[in-house]
Amino acid sequence: MARDDAVAAVQNVLARLGKRSGLSPDRLRSTEIDARPLLTLPVVRHNAELRDRAAADVAVQVVRALARQLPPTQRIIADTVLNLEMLRQPDADTDGTAVDLDRLYGEDLGARRDYLVAHWDLVHRAQHTSPDHDAPTVRSLRTRLERTTFTDLATLLIDRPAYDFAPGGDRLDQRVPPARLGAVTVIGDAVIDQIYRVQTPPQPDTAVRGTAEDTPGGKALNRAIAAARLGLEVRLLCAVGDDDAGRRVLTWLRRYDVDVSLVKVVPDAPTPVTALIIAPGQPPAVIACRPDRTSLTAEDVLAPARRDGIATADAVLMSFEQPAAVVEQVLASIGELAEPPPLIVHAGPPLREPQRLYPYLQAVDYLVGTEAELRALLPGVDADITDIVQYLRTFGTGTVCVMESTGCHVRSADLDLLIPPYSPIPAGSPRAHAAFSAALAYRLLRRERRRPAEPGDFRFAAAAMVASQLLDVPGALSPLDRIDQILTIASEEH
């Protein structure tokens, strides 16, 4: 069965099982609904065999565990409609919120929907999160939000064939990837990149031949995936639309085991699109198409779950993609923490009023960007890049990394380190600078907390930029092996 057909089949089973009393082992054993698309899923069979139990007995736990990985509002919809009773589980903490669990988890689906819509904010608070949007009508919940939720949940069920239950609960552990080294929260954009490759950029009234492709992208998404491929536990804080493109982005992130529970899904809004025109030896020309509605707000950053996602991170990676108020709020929030996590900021894209950030740059441990991006932080200042770096450091920024091709120049109170390019491969791909930030975070998390990066860490991060250009070649090494190989070759040449 084609993957899209399999998702549709599981989605249909979930939607039908939600009716009346919801999903339960007894319902699965007695229902007239053909539940085989759910019961024969590899993740269900795997856990049934592992525990020597029937598929119907473990399916509810599998669904509940994977529903926990949905964005907060979708998680709550799945919990209510399927009657998963998450707030009755042993690990639930309702924080004293007066949710009527007998009504939220009643026998009749219509009554459950009515209660959820009428107590939308209350139910979200009980699960320590904030709604992505105002309370829907029962009709929009039934016809649109539930369909999207079940499609995304079906996708998770299909894409997680090798997950096991953690001992003593119904949360899932993934046993396939290496042990995670630390938690990283990434803040910025997840978009659809439309990439046009040409030999020479088109001039007015001319046409050129080229190739086109589209793929999930964005500075934050690329950093999140790069960090996850290095074995880090990654959470992404961004906004996408409630459309096919947004669902594609979320599916892409889950494929790399990026936690999307902090993602804001904006109803009736398109997911941002970025068009890139790439020509050899030239920086990409970029057209950013981001509706104002499909953005985070400062209030989103202050929501309890997202605030905790930043405060409890072992490192935070951020760019300037989101509105200035959001960037400002993140910097202010981190600056107020007693023990802030290391903060790596990419100084792009240029901000309209960068002066707003000057009071908060002392929260930035590592400021990364090209010479043009760093100059854009000091509009009107015509100075040598060395002076630009010094000016930025006077605002309190710890270390400034000036990127050039696959090399960089690192300046801090203790370092003046020039790393020449490791390779003639131009770092024009959006993944290159993402790989640098992710690799630097990886090295920081191998050190004692708050211990500053050393020259070897920056050399490792620069080598990651080259590795990022090679990782999609068939048979390529893992990211860490590829980076180590580049470093070994570089050491032999010097």
Protein backbone atom coordinates (compact mmCIF):
# COMPACT_ATOMS: atom_id res chain seq x y z
CA MET A 1 0.00 0.00 0.00
CA ALA A 2 1.33 3.45 -0.92
CA ARG A 3 2.30 5.59 2.06
CA ASP A 4 -0.40 8.22 1.43
CA ASP A 5 -3.01 5.46 1.20
CA ALA A 6 -1.76 3.94 4.44
CA VAL A 7 -2.00 7.30 6.23
CA ALA A 8 -5.54 7.78 4.91
CA ALA A 9 -6.55 4.29 6.04
CA VAL A 10 -5.25 4.80 9.60
CA GLN A 11 -6.74 8.31 9.72
CA ASN A 12 -10.14 6.87 8.78
CA VAL A 13 -9.93 4.21 11.48
CA LEU A 14 -9.06 6.79 14.15
CA ALA A 15 -11.89 9.08 13.08
CA ARG A 16 -14.43 6.26 13.20
CA LEU A 17 -13.17 4.87 16.51
CA GLY A 18 -13.49 8.31 18.11
CA LYS A 19 -17.25 8.15 17.81
CA ARG A 20 -19.30 7.29 20.84
CA SER A 21 -17.12 6.12 23.76
CA GLY A 22 -13.76 6.46 21.98
CA LEU A 23 -10.73 4.20 21.72
CA SER A 24 -10.32 1.31 24.15
CA PRO A 25 -9.13 -2.33 24.01
CA ASP A 26 -12.69 -3.57 24.45
CA ARG A 27 -13.89 -1.35 21.60
CA LEU A 28 -11.13 -2.64 19.32
CA ARG A 29 -12.06 -6.25 20.08
CA SER A 30 -15.81 -5.79 19.60
CA THR A 31 -16.22 -3.02 17.03
CA GLU A 32 -17.75 -3.62 13.64
CA ILE A 33 -15.20 -1.16 12.22
CA ASP A 34 -12.34 -2.76 10.31
CA ALA A 35 -9.48 -1.72 12.59
CA ARG A 36 -6.81 -3.77 10.80
CA PRO A 37 -5.01 -0.70 9.35
CA LEU A 38 -4.31 0.32 12.97
CA LEU A 39 -3.81 -3.09 14.58
CA THR A 40 -1.36 -4.30 11.93
CA LEU A 41 0.89 -1.25 12.08
CA PRO A 42 4.55 -2.22 12.72
CA VAL A 43 4.70 -0.09 15.88
CA VAL A 44 1.62 -1.85 17.30
CA ARG A 45 2.81 -5.34 16.32
CA HIS A 46 6.29 -4.59 17.68
CA ASN A 47 5.01 -3.61 21.13
CA ALA A 48 2.47 -6.44 21.19
CA GLU A 49 5.20 -9.01 20.49
CA LEU A 50 7.57 -7.37 22.97
CA ARG A 51 5.04 -7.78 25.77
CA ASP A 52 3.40 -10.96 24.53
CA ARG A 53 0.01 -9.25 24.41
CA ALA A 54 -2.72 -8.87 21.80
CA ALA A 55 -2.50 -5.90 19.43
CA ALA A 56 -5.82 -4.56 20.74
CA ASP A 57 -4.38 -4.44 24.27
CA VAL A 58 -1.38 -2.26 23.36
CA ALA A 59 -2.85 -0.15 20.53
CA VAL A 60 -4.40 2.40 22.91
CA GLN A 61 -1.07 2.88 24.69
CA VAL A 62 0.72 3.27 21.36
CA VAL A 63 -1.80 5.85 20.15
CA ARG A 64 -1.68 7.74 23.46
CA ALA A 65 2.13 7.76 23.52
CA LEU A 66 2.44 9.09 19.98
CA ALA A 67 -0.38 11.59 20.47
CA ARG A 68 1.84 13.14 23.15
CA GLN A 69 4.25 14.11 20.35
CA LEU A 70 1.66 16.19 18.49
CA PRO A 71 1.61 19.99 18.88
CA PRO A 72 -0.27 20.92 22.09
CA THR A 73 -3.68 21.77 20.61
CA GLN A 74 -3.68 18.68 18.39
CA ARG A 75 -2.65 16.58 21.38
CA ILE A 76 -5.65 17.88 23.33
CA ILE A 77 -8.04 17.24 20.43
CA ALA A 78 -6.79 13.66 20.05
CA ASP A 79 -7.03 13.12 23.80
CA THR A 80 -10.63 14.34 23.92
CA VAL A 81 -12.03 12.85 20.74
CA LEU A 82 -10.37 9.44 21.13
CA ASN A 83 -10.99 9.50 24.91
CA LEU A 84 -7.34 8.71 25.67
CA GLU A 85 -7.70 10.03 29.25
CA MET A 86 -4.22 11.60 29.36
CA LEU A 87 -5.17 13.66 32.42
CA ARG A 88 -5.99 10.45 34.28
CA GLN A 89 -2.61 8.85 33.63
CA PRO A 90 -0.19 8.40 36.59
CA ASP A 91 2.22 11.03 35.23
CA ALA A 92 -0.48 13.66 34.70
CA ASP A 93 -0.17 16.90 36.66
CA THR A 94 -3.27 19.07 36.33
CA ASP A 95 -1.74 21.68 38.64
CA GLY A 96 -5.02 22.05 40.48
CA THR A 97 -6.93 23.08 37.33
CA ALA A 98 -10.62 22.31 37.78
CA VAL A 99 -11.26 20.26 34.63
CA ASP A 100 -14.31 18.02 34.93
CA LEU A 101 -12.71 14.78 33.77
CA ASP A 102 -15.99 12.91 33.79
CA ARG A 103 -17.33 15.33 31.16
CA LEU A 104 -14.10 15.65 29.18
CA TYR A 105 -13.90 11.84 29.00
CA GLY A 106 -17.61 11.05 28.85
CA GLU A 107 -19.30 8.22 26.95
CA ASP A 108 -20.74 10.48 24.24
CA LEU A 109 -18.45 12.13 21.68
CA GLY A 110 -20.82 15.05 21.15
CA ALA A 111 -20.73 15.86 24.86
CA ARG A 112 -16.93 15.62 24.90
CA ARG A 113 -16.71 18.05 21.99
CA ASP A 114 -19.12 20.47 23.65
CA TYR A 115 -17.11 20.44 26.88
CA LEU A 116 -13.77 20.95 25.10
CA VAL A 117 -15.03 23.92 23.06
CA ALA A 118 -16.70 25.52 26.10
CA HIS A 119 -13.59 25.06 28.30
CA TRP A 120 -10.90 25.47 25.64
CA ASP A 121 -8.47 27.59 27.69
CA LEU A 122 -9.04 25.59 30.88
CA VAL A 123 -8.22 22.24 29.25
CA HIS A 124 -5.07 23.71 27.70
CA ARG A 125 -3.93 25.06 31.09
CA ALA A 126 -4.49 21.63 32.61
CA GLN A 127 -1.92 20.27 30.16
CA HIS A 128 0.49 23.15 30.86
CA THR A 129 0.17 24.82 27.49
CA SER A 130 -1.60 27.70 25.76
CA PRO A 131 -4.03 27.45 22.82
CA ASP A 132 -2.64 28.19 19.38
CA HIS A 133 -5.88 30.01 18.55
CA ASP A 134 -9.25 30.95 19.97
CA ALA A 135 -11.79 28.26 20.77
CA PRO A 136 -13.28 26.77 17.60
CA THR A 137 -16.94 26.06 17.00
CA VAL A 138 -18.03 22.47 17.42
CA ARG A 139 -18.51 22.31 13.66
CA SER A 140 -14.99 23.51 12.80
CA LEU A 141 -13.60 21.15 15.45
CA ARG A 142 -15.46 18.23 13.89
CA THR A 143 -14.92 19.00 10.20
CA ARG A 144 -11.44 20.55 10.08
CA LEU A 145 -9.36 20.31 13.25
CA GLU A 146 -10.10 16.66 13.96
CA ARG A 147 -9.31 15.66 10.39
CA THR A 148 -5.93 17.42 10.53
CA THR A 149 -5.17 15.94 13.95
CA PHE A 150 -5.94 12.39 12.88
CA THR A 151 -3.94 12.75 9.67
CA ASP A 152 -0.88 13.90 11.62
CA LEU A 153 -1.37 11.20 14.26
CA ALA A 154 -1.70 8.56 11.54
CA THR A 155 1.54 9.83 10.01
CA LEU A 156 3.32 9.46 13.36
CA LEU A 157 1.99 5.93 13.80
CA ILE A 158 3.35 4.94 10.41
CA ASP A 159 6.70 6.74 10.80
CA ARG A 160 7.51 5.26 14.24
CA PRO A 161 7.86 1.50 13.62
CA ALA A 162 10.73 0.87 16.10
CA TYR A 163 9.54 2.60 19.27
CA ASP A 164 9.16 0.78 22.58
CA PHE A 165 7.31 1.68 25.74
CA ALA A 166 9.42 3.09 28.54
CA PRO A 167 9.33 0.86 31.63
CA GLY A 168 6.31 1.57 33.81
CA GLY A 169 4.42 3.89 31.50
CA ASP A 170 2.97 4.48 28.07
CA ARG A 171 5.53 6.97 26.80
CA LEU A 172 7.67 5.68 23.98
CA ASP A 173 11.43 5.31 23.86
CA GLN A 174 13.22 5.17 20.55
CA ARG A 175 15.90 2.51 20.64
CA VAL A 176 17.38 2.99 17.17
CA PRO A 177 19.36 6.29 17.28
CA PRO A 178 22.33 6.89 19.62
CA ALA A 179 21.77 8.18 23.11
CA ARG A 180 20.94 11.87 23.17
CA LEU A 181 23.64 14.16 24.50
CA GLY A 182 21.55 17.13 25.59
CA ALA A 183 18.44 19.16 24.86
CA VAL A 184 18.59 21.98 22.34
CA THR A 185 15.75 24.42 21.67
CA VAL A 186 15.83 26.07 18.23
CA ILE A 187 13.84 29.25 17.52
CA GLY A 188 13.12 30.71 14.09
CA ASP A 189 11.36 29.68 10.90
CA ALA A 190 10.25 26.46 9.24
CA VAL A 191 9.23 27.11 5.64
CA ILE A 192 8.95 25.51 2.25
CA ASP A 193 12.07 26.37 0.26
CA GLN A 194 11.53 26.70 -3.48
CA ILE A 195 15.04 26.34 -4.90
CA TYR A 196 15.91 27.44 -8.43
CA ARG A 197 19.41 26.58 -9.67
CA VAL A 198 20.79 28.48 -12.66
CA GLN A 199 24.20 29.05 -14.24
CA THR A 200 23.71 32.84 -14.27
CA PRO A 201 20.95 34.87 -12.57
CA PRO A 202 18.31 36.17 -15.01
CA GLN A 203 18.51 39.80 -16.07
CA PRO A 204 15.49 42.01 -16.87
CA ASP A 205 13.65 40.92 -20.04
CA THR A 206 15.71 37.72 -20.27
CA ALA A 207 15.08 34.06 -19.54
CA VAL A 208 17.55 31.41 -18.39
CA ARG A 209 17.33 27.65 -18.10
CA GLY A 210 17.53 26.04 -14.70
CA THR A 211 16.17 23.37 -12.37
CA ALA A 212 13.61 23.67 -9.61
CA GLU A 213 12.81 21.76 -6.44
CA ASP A 214 10.99 22.42 -3.21
CA THR A 215 11.75 21.09 0.23
CA PRO A 216 11.12 21.98 3.87
CA GLY A 217 13.67 24.55 4.98
CA GLY A 218 14.23 27.69 7.00
CA LYS A 219 17.14 28.62 9.24
CA ALA A 220 15.55 27.11 12.34
CA LEU A 221 14.38 23.91 10.63
CA ASN A 222 17.83 23.36 9.11
CA ARG A 223 19.50 23.89 12.50
CA ALA A 224 17.05 21.59 14.24
CA ILE A 225 17.68 18.76 11.80
CA ALA A 226 21.45 19.30 11.80
CA ALA A 227 21.48 19.11 15.61
CA ALA A 228 19.26 16.01 15.65
CA ARG A 229 21.56 14.24 13.18
CA LEU A 230 24.43 14.82 15.61
CA GLY A 231 22.52 12.98 18.34
CA LEU A 232 21.08 15.93 20.24
CA GLU A 233 17.54 16.05 21.59
CA VAL A 234 15.93 18.91 19.69
CA ARG A 235 12.80 21.01 20.19
CA LEU A 236 11.73 23.50 17.54
CA LEU A 237 9.83 26.70 18.33
CA CYS A 238 8.33 28.20 15.16
CA ALA A 239 5.00 28.84 13.43
CA VAL A 240 3.49 27.05 10.44
CA GLY A 241 0.13 27.24 8.75
CA ASP A 242 -2.64 24.71 9.11
CA ASP A 243 -2.25 23.61 5.47
CA ASP A 244 -0.65 20.84 3.43
CA ALA A 245 2.70 22.63 3.48
CA GLY A 246 2.59 22.94 7.27
CA ARG A 247 1.77 19.27 7.66
CA ARG A 248 4.62 18.43 5.29
CA VAL A 249 7.00 20.47 7.46
CA LEU A 250 5.86 18.72 10.65
CA THR A 251 6.18 15.29 9.05
CA TRP A 252 9.68 16.17 7.84
CA LEU A 253 10.72 17.24 11.35
CA ARG A 254 9.32 14.11 12.96
CA ARG A 255 11.25 12.01 10.46
CA TYR A 256 14.42 13.38 12.06
CA ASP A 257 13.00 12.99 15.59
CA VAL A 258 12.66 16.72 16.20
CA ASP A 259 10.13 17.48 18.94
CA VAL A 260 7.35 19.64 17.43
CA SER A 261 5.28 20.09 20.59
CA LEU A 262 6.32 23.77 20.78
CA VAL A 263 5.34 24.52 17.17
CA LYS A 264 2.49 27.00 16.74
CA VAL A 265 0.03 25.82 14.06
CA VAL A 266 -1.96 28.81 12.79
CA PRO A 267 -5.46 27.91 11.52
CA ASP A 268 -6.57 29.10 8.09
CA ALA A 269 -3.10 30.50 7.34
CA PRO A 270 -0.49 29.52 4.74
CA THR A 271 2.91 28.17 5.71
CA PRO A 272 5.76 30.58 4.80
CA VAL A 273 7.57 30.03 1.51
CA THR A 274 11.09 31.12 0.58
CA ALA A 275 12.29 31.23 -3.03
CA LEU A 276 16.05 30.92 -3.53
CA ILE A 277 17.83 31.53 -6.83
CA ILE A 278 21.23 29.84 -6.64
CA ALA A 279 24.02 30.41 -9.16
CA PRO A 280 27.60 29.06 -8.92
CA GLY A 281 29.99 31.28 -7.00
CA GLN A 282 27.30 33.75 -5.93
CA PRO A 283 25.27 34.15 -2.73
CA PRO A 284 21.65 33.03 -3.15
CA ALA A 285 19.02 35.59 -4.13
CA VAL A 286 16.14 35.21 -1.67
CA ILE A 287 12.46 36.07 -1.84
CA ALA A 288 10.79 35.58 1.56
CA CYS A 289 7.01 35.14 1.50
CA ARG A 290 5.81 35.02 5.09
CA PRO A 291 2.32 36.15 5.99
CA ASP A 292 2.27 38.22 9.16
CA ARG A 293 -0.26 35.83 10.70
CA THR A 294 2.08 32.86 10.33
CA SER A 295 4.55 34.11 12.90
CA LEU A 296 5.20 33.77 16.56
CA THR A 297 4.31 36.58 18.93
CA ALA A 298 5.99 37.70 22.13
CA GLU A 299 3.01 36.23 23.99
CA ASP A 300 3.66 32.84 22.36
CA VAL A 301 7.19 32.87 23.77
CA LEU A 302 5.79 33.57 27.25
CA ALA A 303 3.37 30.62 27.15
CA PRO A 304 4.37 28.22 29.96
CA ALA A 305 5.38 25.25 27.77
CA ARG A 306 7.46 27.39 25.41
CA ARG A 307 9.01 29.39 28.23
CA ASP A 308 10.01 26.13 29.91
CA GLY A 309 11.31 24.80 26.60
CA ILE A 310 13.77 27.68 26.54
CA ALA A 311 14.64 27.76 30.25
CA THR A 312 15.28 24.00 30.54
CA ALA A 313 17.34 23.71 27.35
CA ASP A 314 21.02 22.83 27.54
CA ALA A 315 21.58 25.21 24.61
CA VAL A 316 19.44 27.57 22.51
CA LEU A 317 19.90 28.30 18.81
CA MET A 318 18.15 31.28 17.25
CA SER A 319 18.08 33.42 14.11
CA PHE A 320 16.40 36.73 13.29
CA GLU A 321 13.67 35.17 11.14
CA GLN A 322 10.82 35.85 13.55
CA PRO A 323 9.50 39.39 14.23
CA ALA A 324 11.81 41.69 16.18
CA ALA A 325 9.47 41.61 19.20
CA VAL A 326 9.87 37.82 19.39
CA VAL A 327 13.67 37.99 19.12
CA GLU A 328 13.69 40.70 21.77
CA GLN A 329 11.48 38.65 24.11
CA VAL A 330 13.64 35.53 23.73
CA LEU A 331 16.82 37.48 24.49
CA ALA A 332 15.18 39.20 27.45
CA SER A 333 13.84 35.90 28.84
CA ILE A 334 17.22 34.19 28.60
CA GLY A 335 18.97 37.20 30.10
CA GLU A 336 16.71 36.97 33.16
CA LEU A 337 17.56 33.34 33.93
CA ALA A 338 19.81 32.63 36.90
CA GLU A 339 21.65 29.95 34.89
CA PRO A 340 20.96 30.72 31.22
CA PRO A 341 21.78 28.09 28.61
CA PRO A 342 24.48 28.90 26.03
CA LEU A 343 22.84 30.99 23.30
CA ILE A 344 24.03 30.77 19.67
CA VAL A 345 22.47 33.43 17.44
CA HIS A 346 22.66 33.69 13.66
CA ALA A 347 22.57 37.40 12.74
CA GLY A 348 20.24 36.97 9.78
CA PRO A 349 18.12 37.86 8.02
CA PRO A 350 18.72 41.61 8.60
CA LEU A 351 16.37 43.30 11.05
CA ARG A 352 14.62 46.55 10.18
CA GLU A 353 15.49 48.09 13.55
CA PRO A 354 18.46 46.19 14.98
CA GLN A 355 18.97 48.94 17.58
CA ARG A 356 16.09 47.39 19.55
CA LEU A 357 18.31 44.43 20.37
CA TYR A 358 21.32 46.34 21.70
CA PRO A 359 20.19 46.20 25.37
CA TYR A 360 19.83 42.40 25.10
CA LEU A 361 22.95 41.35 23.18
CA GLN A 362 24.72 40.59 26.46
CA ALA A 363 22.61 37.42 26.56
CA VAL A 364 24.27 36.19 23.34
CA ASP A 365 27.21 33.86 23.93
CA TYR A 366 28.01 33.25 20.25
CA LEU A 367 26.98 35.63 17.46
CA VAL A 368 27.40 34.01 14.05
CA GLY A 369 27.04 35.62 10.61
CA THR A 370 28.62 36.72 7.38
CA GLU A 371 30.34 40.09 7.25
CA ALA A 372 27.26 41.57 5.53
CA GLU A 373 24.91 40.17 8.20
CA LEU A 374 27.04 41.49 11.05
CA ARG A 375 27.37 44.92 9.42
CA ALA A 376 23.57 45.06 9.15
CA LEU A 377 23.42 45.08 12.95
CA LEU A 378 25.18 48.47 12.92
CA PRO A 379 23.39 50.46 10.20
CA GLY A 380 25.25 53.56 9.12
CA VAL A 381 28.58 52.44 10.58
CA ASP A 382 31.26 52.40 7.88
CA ALA A 383 34.20 50.60 9.47
CA ASP A 384 36.57 47.70 9.04
CA ILE A 385 35.02 44.34 9.98
CA THR A 386 37.47 44.12 12.88
CA ASP A 387 35.95 47.29 14.32
CA ILE A 388 32.43 46.01 13.60
CA VAL A 389 33.19 42.93 15.66
CA GLN A 390 34.64 45.03 18.45
CA TYR A 391 31.57 47.29 18.49
CA LEU A 392 29.27 44.27 18.77
CA ARG A 393 31.32 42.86 21.62
CA THR A 394 30.99 46.14 23.54
CA PHE A 395 27.25 45.39 23.77
CA GLY A 396 28.17 42.32 25.84
CA THR A 397 28.21 39.61 23.17
CA GLY A 398 30.67 36.93 24.22
CA THR A 399 32.09 35.62 20.94
CA VAL A 400 31.59 36.77 17.33
CA CYS A 401 32.13 34.35 14.44
CA VAL A 402 32.55 35.97 11.02
CA MET A 403 31.68 33.35 8.38
CA GLU A 404 33.39 33.17 5.00
CA SER A 405 32.90 30.20 2.68
CA THR A 406 33.66 27.13 4.83
CA GLY A 407 35.97 29.03 7.18
CA CYS A 408 35.48 31.65 9.86
CA HIS A 409 37.23 34.26 12.00
CA VAL A 410 36.46 33.91 15.72
CA ARG A 411 36.89 36.85 18.10
CA SER A 412 36.34 36.89 21.85
CA ALA A 413 38.11 38.17 24.96
CA ASP A 414 40.42 35.14 24.81
CA LEU A 415 40.46 34.21 21.12
CA ASP A 416 41.49 35.70 17.80
CA LEU A 417 41.23 32.56 15.68
CA LEU A 418 41.29 32.45 11.89
CA ILE A 419 40.06 29.15 10.41
CA PRO A 420 40.72 29.02 6.66
CA PRO A 421 38.23 27.16 4.45
CA TYR A 422 38.59 23.39 4.67
CA SER A 423 37.37 22.91 1.13
CA PRO A 424 36.85 24.82 -2.12
CA ILE A 425 33.21 23.75 -1.95
CA PRO A 426 31.26 27.02 -1.62
CA ALA A 427 29.07 27.16 1.47
CA GLY A 428 26.15 28.60 -0.46
CA SER A 429 23.71 25.99 0.80
CA PRO A 430 21.41 27.16 3.63
CA ARG A 431 22.48 24.01 5.46
CA ALA A 432 26.10 25.12 5.81
CA HIS A 433 25.69 27.84 8.44
CA ALA A 434 23.01 25.70 10.10
CA ALA A 435 25.56 22.91 10.40
CA PHE A 436 28.09 25.31 11.99
CA SER A 437 25.67 26.39 14.75
CA ALA A 438 24.44 22.85 15.39
CA ALA A 439 27.98 21.46 15.54
CA LEU A 440 29.08 24.22 17.90
CA ALA A 441 26.13 23.38 20.19
CA TYR A 442 27.11 19.70 20.03
CA ARG A 443 30.65 20.49 21.17
CA LEU A 444 29.44 22.82 23.93
CA LEU A 445 27.19 20.11 25.35
CA ARG A 446 30.14 17.78 25.60
CA ARG A 447 31.72 20.25 28.03
CA GLU A 448 30.83 21.24 31.54
CA ARG A 449 27.91 23.66 31.57
CA ARG A 450 28.89 27.24 30.71
CA ARG A 451 32.49 26.32 29.86
CA PRO A 452 33.35 28.42 26.80
CA ALA A 453 34.20 26.92 23.43
CA GLU A 454 37.84 26.34 22.54
CA PRO A 455 39.65 26.52 19.16
CA GLY A 456 39.03 22.83 18.47
CA ASP A 457 35.28 23.37 18.87
CA PHE A 458 35.22 26.08 16.21
CA ARG A 459 37.35 23.98 13.86
CA PHE A 460 34.88 21.14 14.33
CA ALA A 461 31.97 23.47 13.56
CA ALA A 462 33.71 24.77 10.42
CA ALA A 463 34.32 21.21 9.23
CA ALA A 464 30.60 20.55 9.72
CA MET A 465 29.88 23.18 7.04
CA VAL A 466 31.77 21.07 4.50
CA ALA A 467 30.14 17.88 5.74
CA SER A 468 26.70 19.43 5.27
CA GLN A 469 27.36 19.69 1.52
CA LEU A 470 28.12 15.96 1.28
CA LEU A 471 25.64 14.22 3.57
CA ASP A 472 22.96 13.56 0.96
CA VAL A 473 25.38 11.78 -1.37
CA PRO A 474 24.38 8.08 -1.55
CA GLY A 475 26.52 6.07 0.84
CA ALA A 476 27.78 9.14 2.68
CA LEU A 477 29.16 8.70 6.17
CA SER A 478 27.25 9.77 9.27
CA PRO A 479 27.65 13.47 10.15
CA LEU A 480 30.13 12.81 12.96
CA ASP A 481 32.22 10.40 10.89
CA ARG A 482 32.27 12.81 7.95
CA ILE A 483 33.34 15.73 10.18
CA ASP A 484 36.08 13.65 11.77
CA GLN A 485 37.29 12.62 8.33
CA ILE A 486 37.50 16.28 7.21
CA LEU A 487 39.40 17.24 10.36
CA THR A 488 41.85 14.36 9.90
CA ILE A 489 42.58 15.32 6.31
CA ALA A 490 43.03 18.98 7.31
CA SER A 491 45.50 18.05 10.04
CA GLU A 492 47.52 15.95 7.58
CA GLU A 493 47.81 18.93 5.23
CA HIS A 494 49.09 21.26 7.97
